[in-house]
Amino acid sequence: MRFESRELKPFSEPVCAEDLVAFETYFAVQFLDAQMLVPTVEPLIYLGVNLLREDRGVRYFQDAESFRAGVRFGLPNAKEGRFSAQPDDQLKHVFTFSKALEVLMSCELRRNASGQPA
C-alpha cells in the first residue's frame, strides 16, 4: 500500500466558516503542548449557524458519538451530547479530514525532528 506524497505547507488550513456544511463531519485538531508534538483529534458534526435567537456569527458543533446515537440539539435528549458554540473567528482548529491529516503529518515531522518516539 502506498500513500500519495504531498508537499505540506508551513501553516495549517482550517475550514472557512462560510464553507461549513450542516451535518457534515469535521475534525478539531488541537495540541496539548506548546511544541505541538501531542495532538488531540475529535470528530465534530457541524449543526449550523446562529441556532439561538441572540446569536450573531456563532457556529454550532456536536460530538460525533452522541450525534450518531441520535442526540439532537434542542431536543429533550440534548443533555446527553456535547455541544460547542464557536464564533466565526475562532475556528482555527476545525478542519476537513484531508486538512486535519496534513496537520497530523506536520506533527509527525516535528516529532521526528525532536526525537520523539513514534
N, C-alpha and C. Protein backbone atom coordinates (compact mmCIF):
# COMPACT_ATOMS: atom_id res chain seq x y z
N MET A 1 0.85 -1.17 0.00
CA MET A 1 0.00 0.00 0.00
C MET A 1 0.90 1.24 0.00
N ARG A 2 0.55 2.22 -0.79
CA ARG A 2 1.33 3.45 -0.86
C ARG A 2 0.39 4.63 -0.71
N PHE A 3 0.81 5.59 0.11
CA PHE A 3 0.02 6.81 0.30
C PHE A 3 0.62 7.89 -0.58
N GLU A 4 -0.24 8.62 -1.26
CA GLU A 4 0.21 9.69 -2.15
C GLU A 4 1.06 10.71 -1.39
N SER A 5 2.23 11.02 -1.93
CA SER A 5 3.07 12.03 -1.27
C SER A 5 2.53 13.42 -1.60
N ARG A 6 2.84 14.35 -0.74
CA ARG A 6 2.38 15.72 -0.96
C ARG A 6 3.32 16.69 -0.27
N GLU A 7 3.35 17.88 -0.79
CA GLU A 7 4.13 18.96 -0.20
C GLU A 7 3.26 19.60 0.89
N LEU A 8 3.76 19.64 2.12
CA LEU A 8 3.00 20.23 3.21
C LEU A 8 3.33 21.71 3.32
N LYS A 9 2.31 22.50 3.52
CA LYS A 9 2.50 23.94 3.71
C LYS A 9 3.01 24.19 5.13
N PRO A 10 3.71 25.30 5.35
CA PRO A 10 4.21 25.60 6.69
C PRO A 10 3.14 26.13 7.64
N PHE A 11 1.90 26.13 7.20
CA PHE A 11 0.78 26.61 8.02
C PHE A 11 -0.40 25.67 7.80
N SER A 12 -1.31 25.66 8.76
CA SER A 12 -2.50 24.81 8.63
C SER A 12 -3.58 25.56 7.85
N GLU A 13 -4.53 24.80 7.34
CA GLU A 13 -5.62 25.38 6.56
C GLU A 13 -6.97 24.96 7.15
N PRO A 14 -7.39 25.66 8.21
CA PRO A 14 -8.70 25.33 8.79
C PRO A 14 -9.82 25.66 7.82
N VAL A 15 -10.96 25.09 8.08
CA VAL A 15 -12.13 25.32 7.23
C VAL A 15 -12.60 26.77 7.40
N CYS A 16 -13.08 27.35 6.32
CA CYS A 16 -13.67 28.69 6.38
C CYS A 16 -15.10 28.55 6.87
N ALA A 17 -15.52 29.46 7.73
CA ALA A 17 -16.87 29.41 8.28
C ALA A 17 -17.93 29.31 7.18
N GLU A 18 -17.72 30.03 6.10
CA GLU A 18 -18.71 30.04 5.01
C GLU A 18 -18.78 28.72 4.27
N ASP A 19 -17.74 27.89 4.39
CA ASP A 19 -17.69 26.61 3.67
C ASP A 19 -18.26 25.44 4.47
N LEU A 20 -18.59 25.67 5.73
CA LEU A 20 -19.14 24.59 6.56
C LEU A 20 -20.49 24.14 6.01
N VAL A 21 -20.71 22.84 6.01
CA VAL A 21 -21.95 22.24 5.51
C VAL A 21 -22.64 21.54 6.67
N ALA A 22 -23.90 21.88 6.90
CA ALA A 22 -24.65 21.30 8.02
C ALA A 22 -24.66 19.78 7.95
N PHE A 23 -24.43 19.17 9.09
CA PHE A 23 -24.46 17.73 9.32
C PHE A 23 -23.31 16.98 8.68
N GLU A 24 -22.30 17.70 8.22
CA GLU A 24 -21.07 17.07 7.74
C GLU A 24 -20.12 16.92 8.93
N THR A 25 -19.18 15.98 8.79
CA THR A 25 -18.19 15.72 9.84
C THR A 25 -16.94 16.55 9.58
N TYR A 26 -16.46 17.20 10.62
CA TYR A 26 -15.21 17.94 10.59
C TYR A 26 -14.36 17.44 11.75
N PHE A 27 -13.11 17.89 11.81
CA PHE A 27 -12.20 17.38 12.82
C PHE A 27 -11.52 18.53 13.56
N ALA A 28 -11.67 18.53 14.88
CA ALA A 28 -10.98 19.51 15.72
C ALA A 28 -9.62 18.93 16.04
N VAL A 29 -8.58 19.63 15.63
CA VAL A 29 -7.20 19.20 15.93
C VAL A 29 -6.60 20.27 16.83
N GLN A 30 -6.20 19.83 18.01
CA GLN A 30 -5.57 20.74 18.96
C GLN A 30 -4.36 20.04 19.55
N PHE A 31 -3.53 20.79 20.24
CA PHE A 31 -2.30 20.23 20.80
C PHE A 31 -2.26 20.45 22.31
N LEU A 32 -1.72 19.46 23.00
CA LEU A 32 -1.64 19.52 24.46
C LEU A 32 -0.37 20.20 24.95
N ASP A 33 0.52 20.54 24.03
CA ASP A 33 1.81 21.12 24.42
C ASP A 33 2.18 22.27 23.49
N ALA A 34 3.03 23.15 23.97
CA ALA A 34 3.43 24.33 23.20
C ALA A 34 4.27 23.97 21.97
N GLN A 35 4.97 22.84 22.01
CA GLN A 35 5.80 22.41 20.88
C GLN A 35 4.97 21.77 19.76
N MET A 36 3.70 21.57 20.03
CA MET A 36 2.77 20.96 19.07
C MET A 36 3.23 19.56 18.66
N LEU A 37 3.57 18.75 19.69
CA LEU A 37 4.01 17.38 19.47
C LEU A 37 2.98 16.35 19.91
N VAL A 38 1.98 16.78 20.70
CA VAL A 38 0.97 15.86 21.24
C VAL A 38 -0.41 16.35 20.80
N PRO A 39 -0.91 15.79 19.68
CA PRO A 39 -2.20 16.25 19.16
C PRO A 39 -3.38 15.51 19.79
N THR A 40 -4.52 16.18 19.77
CA THR A 40 -5.80 15.54 20.03
C THR A 40 -6.66 15.77 18.79
N VAL A 41 -7.46 14.78 18.45
CA VAL A 41 -8.33 14.88 17.28
C VAL A 41 -9.73 14.46 17.72
N GLU A 42 -10.70 15.30 17.43
CA GLU A 42 -12.08 14.98 17.78
C GLU A 42 -12.99 15.20 16.57
N PRO A 43 -13.72 14.17 16.17
CA PRO A 43 -14.69 14.37 15.09
C PRO A 43 -15.89 15.15 15.60
N LEU A 44 -16.30 16.14 14.83
CA LEU A 44 -17.43 17.00 15.19
C LEU A 44 -18.42 17.06 14.05
N ILE A 45 -19.67 17.16 14.38
CA ILE A 45 -20.71 17.36 13.38
C ILE A 45 -21.10 18.84 13.42
N TYR A 46 -21.05 19.47 12.26
CA TYR A 46 -21.46 20.87 12.18
C TYR A 46 -22.98 20.93 12.13
N LEU A 47 -23.57 21.69 13.05
CA LEU A 47 -25.03 21.77 13.16
C LEU A 47 -25.63 22.97 12.45
N GLY A 48 -24.91 24.06 12.39
CA GLY A 48 -25.43 25.25 11.74
C GLY A 48 -24.95 26.51 12.43
N VAL A 49 -25.46 27.63 11.96
CA VAL A 49 -25.05 28.94 12.46
C VAL A 49 -26.23 29.61 13.14
N ASN A 50 -25.95 30.32 14.23
CA ASN A 50 -26.95 31.14 14.93
C ASN A 50 -28.19 30.33 15.30
N LEU A 51 -28.00 29.26 16.02
CA LEU A 51 -29.11 28.40 16.40
C LEU A 51 -29.97 28.99 17.51
N LEU A 52 -29.43 29.95 18.23
CA LEU A 52 -30.20 30.65 19.26
C LEU A 52 -30.51 32.06 18.76
N ARG A 53 -31.64 32.58 19.15
CA ARG A 53 -32.12 33.88 18.68
C ARG A 53 -31.09 34.99 18.87
N GLU A 54 -30.38 34.97 19.99
CA GLU A 54 -29.44 36.06 20.29
C GLU A 54 -28.08 35.92 19.60
N ASP A 55 -27.84 34.83 18.87
CA ASP A 55 -26.55 34.57 18.23
C ASP A 55 -26.29 35.50 17.06
N ARG A 56 -25.02 35.83 16.90
CA ARG A 56 -24.55 36.59 15.73
C ARG A 56 -23.21 35.98 15.32
N GLY A 57 -23.17 35.23 14.23
CA GLY A 57 -21.92 34.64 13.76
C GLY A 57 -21.39 33.55 14.66
N VAL A 58 -22.29 32.71 15.19
CA VAL A 58 -21.88 31.62 16.08
C VAL A 58 -22.17 30.29 15.39
N ARG A 59 -21.15 29.46 15.28
CA ARG A 59 -21.26 28.14 14.63
C ARG A 59 -21.37 27.07 15.71
N TYR A 60 -22.28 26.13 15.50
CA TYR A 60 -22.53 25.08 16.49
C TYR A 60 -22.03 23.73 15.98
N PHE A 61 -21.40 23.00 16.90
CA PHE A 61 -20.89 21.66 16.63
C PHE A 61 -21.35 20.72 17.72
N GLN A 62 -21.40 19.44 17.39
CA GLN A 62 -21.75 18.39 18.34
C GLN A 62 -20.74 17.27 18.21
N ASP A 63 -20.44 16.61 19.34
CA ASP A 63 -19.54 15.47 19.25
C ASP A 63 -20.19 14.40 18.38
N ALA A 64 -19.37 13.75 17.55
CA ALA A 64 -19.89 12.80 16.57
C ALA A 64 -20.54 11.58 17.22
N GLU A 65 -20.01 11.16 18.35
CA GLU A 65 -20.55 9.97 19.01
C GLU A 65 -22.00 10.16 19.43
N SER A 66 -22.31 11.26 20.09
CA SER A 66 -23.69 11.46 20.53
C SER A 66 -24.61 11.74 19.33
N PHE A 67 -24.09 12.41 18.30
CA PHE A 67 -24.89 12.66 17.11
C PHE A 67 -25.29 11.34 16.46
N ARG A 68 -24.34 10.43 16.35
CA ARG A 68 -24.62 9.12 15.74
C ARG A 68 -25.59 8.31 16.59
N ALA A 69 -25.63 8.61 17.89
CA ALA A 69 -26.55 7.91 18.80
C ALA A 69 -27.95 8.52 18.78
N GLY A 70 -28.15 9.59 18.00
CA GLY A 70 -29.47 10.18 17.87
C GLY A 70 -29.75 11.37 18.76
N VAL A 71 -28.75 11.83 19.50
CA VAL A 71 -28.92 13.01 20.34
C VAL A 71 -28.97 14.23 19.43
N ARG A 72 -29.89 15.16 19.70
CA ARG A 72 -30.03 16.34 18.86
C ARG A 72 -30.17 17.61 19.69
N PHE A 73 -29.57 18.67 19.19
CA PHE A 73 -29.63 20.00 19.79
C PHE A 73 -31.09 20.43 19.88
N GLY A 74 -31.49 20.93 21.04
CA GLY A 74 -32.84 21.45 21.20
C GLY A 74 -33.89 20.42 21.56
N LEU A 75 -33.53 19.15 21.58
CA LEU A 75 -34.48 18.10 21.96
C LEU A 75 -34.23 17.69 23.41
N PRO A 76 -35.19 17.01 24.03
CA PRO A 76 -35.01 16.62 25.43
C PRO A 76 -33.74 15.80 25.69
N ASN A 77 -33.28 15.04 24.72
CA ASN A 77 -32.09 14.23 24.95
C ASN A 77 -30.78 15.00 24.76
N ALA A 78 -30.86 16.30 24.51
CA ALA A 78 -29.67 17.11 24.23
C ALA A 78 -28.65 17.07 25.36
N LYS A 79 -29.10 16.88 26.58
CA LYS A 79 -28.16 16.88 27.71
C LYS A 79 -27.19 15.69 27.64
N GLU A 80 -27.49 14.72 26.78
CA GLU A 80 -26.61 13.55 26.61
C GLU A 80 -25.48 13.82 25.62
N GLY A 81 -25.52 14.94 24.93
CA GLY A 81 -24.48 15.25 23.95
C GLY A 81 -23.56 16.35 24.43
N ARG A 82 -22.46 16.53 23.70
CA ARG A 82 -21.53 17.63 23.96
C ARG A 82 -21.63 18.59 22.77
N PHE A 83 -22.01 19.80 23.06
CA PHE A 83 -22.18 20.82 22.04
C PHE A 83 -21.18 21.94 22.28
N SER A 84 -20.73 22.55 21.21
CA SER A 84 -19.87 23.72 21.36
C SER A 84 -20.35 24.80 20.41
N ALA A 85 -20.23 26.03 20.86
CA ALA A 85 -20.58 27.19 20.06
C ALA A 85 -19.31 27.99 19.84
N GLN A 86 -18.97 28.20 18.58
CA GLN A 86 -17.72 28.87 18.23
C GLN A 86 -18.01 30.09 17.37
N PRO A 87 -17.51 31.26 17.77
CA PRO A 87 -17.63 32.43 16.90
C PRO A 87 -16.86 32.18 15.59
N ASP A 88 -17.30 32.81 14.53
CA ASP A 88 -16.67 32.61 13.22
C ASP A 88 -15.16 32.80 13.24
N ASP A 89 -14.67 33.71 14.07
CA ASP A 89 -13.24 33.99 14.09
C ASP A 89 -12.45 33.06 15.02
N GLN A 90 -13.09 32.02 15.54
CA GLN A 90 -12.39 31.08 16.43
C GLN A 90 -12.53 29.64 15.94
N LEU A 91 -12.36 29.45 14.64
CA LEU A 91 -12.48 28.12 14.04
C LEU A 91 -11.13 27.59 13.53
N LYS A 92 -10.03 28.15 14.02
CA LYS A 92 -8.72 27.79 13.51
C LYS A 92 -8.30 26.36 13.84
N HIS A 93 -9.07 25.66 14.62
CA HIS A 93 -8.77 24.28 14.99
C HIS A 93 -9.69 23.27 14.30
N VAL A 94 -10.56 23.75 13.40
CA VAL A 94 -11.55 22.88 12.74
C VAL A 94 -11.14 22.67 11.28
N PHE A 95 -11.06 21.39 10.89
CA PHE A 95 -10.54 21.03 9.57
C PHE A 95 -11.42 20.00 8.88
N THR A 96 -11.32 19.97 7.55
CA THR A 96 -11.83 18.83 6.80
C THR A 96 -10.90 17.66 7.10
N PHE A 97 -11.29 16.47 6.72
CA PHE A 97 -10.46 15.29 7.01
C PHE A 97 -9.07 15.42 6.40
N SER A 98 -9.01 15.77 5.12
CA SER A 98 -7.70 15.81 4.46
C SER A 98 -6.80 16.89 5.05
N LYS A 99 -7.36 18.03 5.43
CA LYS A 99 -6.55 19.09 6.04
C LYS A 99 -6.13 18.72 7.46
N ALA A 100 -6.99 18.00 8.19
CA ALA A 100 -6.60 17.51 9.52
C ALA A 100 -5.46 16.52 9.40
N LEU A 101 -5.52 15.67 8.38
CA LEU A 101 -4.45 14.71 8.13
C LEU A 101 -3.13 15.44 7.88
N GLU A 102 -3.17 16.54 7.15
CA GLU A 102 -1.95 17.31 6.90
C GLU A 102 -1.40 17.91 8.19
N VAL A 103 -2.28 18.35 9.08
CA VAL A 103 -1.83 18.86 10.38
C VAL A 103 -1.10 17.74 11.14
N LEU A 104 -1.66 16.54 11.10
CA LEU A 104 -1.03 15.40 11.79
C LEU A 104 0.28 14.99 11.12
N MET A 105 0.36 15.07 9.79
CA MET A 105 1.62 14.75 9.11
C MET A 105 2.70 15.77 9.49
N SER A 106 2.32 17.03 9.58
CA SER A 106 3.28 18.05 10.02
C SER A 106 3.74 17.77 11.45
N CYS A 107 2.81 17.33 12.28
CA CYS A 107 3.15 16.96 13.65
C CYS A 107 4.16 15.80 13.65
N GLU A 108 3.95 14.83 12.79
CA GLU A 108 4.87 13.70 12.69
C GLU A 108 6.28 14.17 12.33
N LEU A 109 6.37 15.11 11.41
CA LEU A 109 7.68 15.65 11.05
C LEU A 109 8.33 16.37 12.22
N ARG A 110 7.54 17.15 12.97
CA ARG A 110 8.08 17.83 14.16
C ARG A 110 8.53 16.82 15.20
N ARG A 111 7.74 15.77 15.40
CA ARG A 111 8.09 14.73 16.37
C ARG A 111 9.40 14.04 15.97
N ASN A 112 9.53 13.73 14.69
CA ASN A 112 10.77 13.09 14.22
C ASN A 112 11.96 14.00 14.44
N ALA A 113 11.81 15.29 14.14
CA ALA A 113 12.90 16.24 14.29
C ALA A 113 13.29 16.43 15.75
N SER A 114 12.32 16.26 16.66
CA SER A 114 12.59 16.47 18.09
C SER A 114 13.08 15.21 18.78
N GLY A 115 13.07 14.10 18.07
CA GLY A 115 13.50 12.83 18.67
C GLY A 115 12.41 12.11 19.45
N GLN A 116 11.18 12.56 19.32
CA GLN A 116 10.06 11.91 20.00
C GLN A 116 9.85 10.51 19.42
N PRO A 117 9.49 9.56 20.26
CA PRO A 117 9.19 8.22 19.73
C PRO A 117 7.92 8.24 18.88
N ALA A 118 7.87 7.34 17.93
CA ALA A 118 6.72 7.27 17.01
C ALA A 118 5.46 6.87 17.73
